[in-house]
C-alpha cells in the first residue's frame, strides 16, 4: 500500500473515533476507540517504511 493510501486509512480511522464519541458518547466509545487506536498504531508500525 502506498503512502497516500496508508494516510487515508489512518485519517478515516481517526474520524471514526470522533464519530463514535458523537454518536455513543465519550464513555461508551472509550473501548472501541482504544481498539481503533491500537489498529492505527499497528498500521503505522507495519507500514513504517512507507510513511517515511
Protein backbone atom coordinates (compact mmCIF):
# COMPACT_ATOMS: atom_id res chain seq x y z
CA UNK A 1 0.00 0.00 0.00
CA UNK A 2 1.44 3.38 -0.87
CA UNK A 3 1.92 6.32 1.50
CA UNK A 4 -1.24 8.14 0.38
CA UNK A 5 -3.45 5.11 0.97
CA UNK A 6 -1.97 4.44 4.40
CA UNK A 7 -2.56 8.05 5.43
CA UNK A 8 -6.10 7.93 4.05
CA UNK A 9 -6.88 4.80 6.12
CA UNK A 10 -5.45 6.40 9.26
CA UNK A 11 -7.46 9.60 8.67
CA UNK A 12 -10.61 7.51 8.24
CA UNK A 13 -9.99 5.64 11.49
CA UNK A 14 -9.41 8.90 13.38
CA UNK A 15 -12.66 10.31 12.00
CA UNK A 16 -14.38 7.09 13.03
CA UNK A 17 -13.15 7.62 16.58
CA UNK A 18 -14.64 11.12 16.62
CA UNK A 19 -17.90 9.87 15.16
CA UNK A 20 -18.18 7.16 17.81
CA UNK A 21 -17.82 9.80 20.52
CA UNK A 22 -20.50 11.94 18.89
CA UNK A 23 -22.92 9.04 18.49
CA UNK A 24 -22.24 6.91 21.56
CA UNK A 25 -20.82 9.45 23.98
CA UNK A 26 -17.33 9.52 25.39
CA UNK A 27 -17.83 6.77 27.98
CA UNK A 28 -19.44 4.22 25.66
CA UNK A 29 -16.98 4.92 22.85
CA UNK A 30 -13.91 4.51 25.06
CA UNK A 31 -13.29 0.77 24.49
CA UNK A 32 -13.99 0.96 20.75
CA UNK A 33 -11.65 3.93 20.45
CA UNK A 34 -8.91 2.09 22.32
CA UNK A 35 -9.18 -0.75 19.80
CA UNK A 36 -9.17 1.69 16.88
CA UNK A 37 -6.12 3.48 18.32
CA UNK A 38 -4.31 0.14 18.61
CA UNK A 39 -5.20 -0.57 14.99
CA UNK A 40 -3.79 2.82 13.95
CA UNK A 41 -0.53 2.08 15.79
CA UNK A 42 -0.34 -1.39 14.18
CA UNK A 43 -0.83 0.11 10.71
CA UNK A 44 1.78 2.79 11.37
CA UNK A 45 4.24 0.18 12.59
CA UNK A 46 3.56 -2.24 9.71
CA UNK A 47 3.86 0.48 7.05
CA UNK A 48 6.56 2.48 8.86
CA UNK A 49 8.99 2.40 5.93
CA UNK A 50 6.35 3.66 3.52
CA UNK A 51 5.35 6.53 5.81
CA UNK A 52 8.88 7.99 5.85
